[in-house]
Amino acid sequence: MTSILLIPIAGMSWTYAMVAVVGGAWFVWEALRLQAAARRAEAAARPMRMFVVSNAYLALLFAAVAIDTLVKY
């Protein structure tokens, strides 16, 4: 959740803040789902899904940084 540190340090606006908070919550939720499935030793534990979610989260975060920068100027 270090992505939230950009809000006060880099002066990001609410656009980035919303993407960082909601995206971070989504990422943590998926990580907890994977952990729970792994603890139950289910065949449904899909680590590749976590990889896809992490890539989507980073893409959304970088897009939010770009949009936030463009909206400011």
Protein backbone atom coordinates (compact mmCIF):
# COMPACT_ATOMS: atom_id res chain seq x y z
CA MET A 1 0.00 0.00 0.00
CA THR A 2 2.96 2.30 -0.50
CA SER A 3 1.17 3.66 -3.54
CA ILE A 4 -0.88 5.78 -1.15
CA LEU A 5 2.30 7.61 -0.11
CA LEU A 6 2.33 9.41 -3.45
CA ILE A 7 -0.75 11.35 -2.41
CA PRO A 8 0.95 13.57 0.20
CA ILE A 9 4.52 13.32 -1.16
CA ALA A 10 3.85 14.02 -4.85
CA GLY A 11 0.68 16.03 -4.33
CA MET A 12 -1.61 13.72 -6.26
CA SER A 13 -5.28 14.63 -6.52
CA TRP A 14 -8.42 12.69 -5.65
CA THR A 15 -8.35 10.92 -9.04
CA TYR A 16 -5.15 9.10 -8.19
CA ALA A 17 -6.22 8.65 -4.57
CA MET A 18 -9.41 6.83 -5.56
CA VAL A 19 -7.60 4.52 -7.97
CA ALA A 20 -4.88 3.79 -5.41
CA VAL A 21 -7.31 3.03 -2.58
CA VAL A 22 -9.82 1.00 -4.60
CA GLY A 23 -7.13 -0.78 -6.62
CA GLY A 24 -5.13 -1.52 -3.48
CA ALA A 25 -8.19 -2.96 -1.77
CA TRP A 26 -8.88 -5.14 -4.83
CA PHE A 27 -5.27 -6.36 -4.83
CA VAL A 28 -5.33 -7.20 -1.12
CA TRP A 29 -8.71 -8.95 -1.50
CA GLU A 30 -7.36 -11.16 -4.27
CA ALA A 31 -4.23 -11.94 -2.24
CA LEU A 32 -6.35 -12.98 0.73
CA ARG A 33 -8.53 -15.17 -1.51
CA LEU A 34 -5.44 -16.90 -2.86
CA GLN A 35 -4.03 -17.39 0.62
CA ALA A 36 -7.29 -18.89 1.89
CA ALA A 37 -7.50 -21.26 -1.07
CA ALA A 38 -3.89 -22.32 -0.57
CA ARG A 39 -4.46 -22.98 3.14
CA ARG A 40 -7.43 -25.19 2.30
CA ALA A 41 -5.24 -26.94 -0.28
CA GLU A 42 -7.91 -26.48 -2.90
CA ALA A 43 -7.34 -27.13 -6.52
CA ALA A 44 -9.01 -23.76 -7.07
CA ALA A 45 -5.94 -21.90 -5.78
CA ARG A 46 -4.87 -20.04 -8.90
CA PRO A 47 -1.62 -18.14 -8.43
CA MET A 48 -1.64 -17.05 -12.07
CA ARG A 49 -4.78 -15.03 -11.33
CA MET A 50 -2.82 -13.08 -8.70
CA PHE A 51 -0.16 -12.35 -11.31
CA VAL A 52 -2.79 -11.01 -13.72
CA VAL A 53 -4.39 -8.92 -10.96
CA SER A 54 -1.02 -7.43 -10.00
CA ASN A 55 -0.32 -6.46 -13.61
CA ALA A 56 -3.78 -4.91 -13.97
CA TYR A 57 -3.32 -3.03 -10.68
CA LEU A 58 0.01 -1.59 -11.82
CA ALA A 59 -1.41 -0.61 -15.20
CA LEU A 60 -4.32 1.18 -13.52
CA LEU A 61 -1.97 2.91 -11.11
CA PHE A 62 0.35 4.15 -13.87
CA ALA A 63 -2.63 5.31 -15.91
CA ALA A 64 -3.93 7.19 -12.87
CA VAL A 65 -0.55 8.92 -12.46
CA ALA A 66 -0.61 9.96 -16.12
CA ILE A 67 -4.22 11.16 -15.99
CA ASP A 68 -3.62 13.01 -12.74
CA THR A 69 -0.62 14.78 -14.24
CA LEU A 70 -2.50 15.71 -17.42
CA VAL A 71 -5.52 17.00 -15.51
CA LYS A 72 -3.37 19.27 -13.33
CA TYR A 73 -1.86 21.12 -16.33
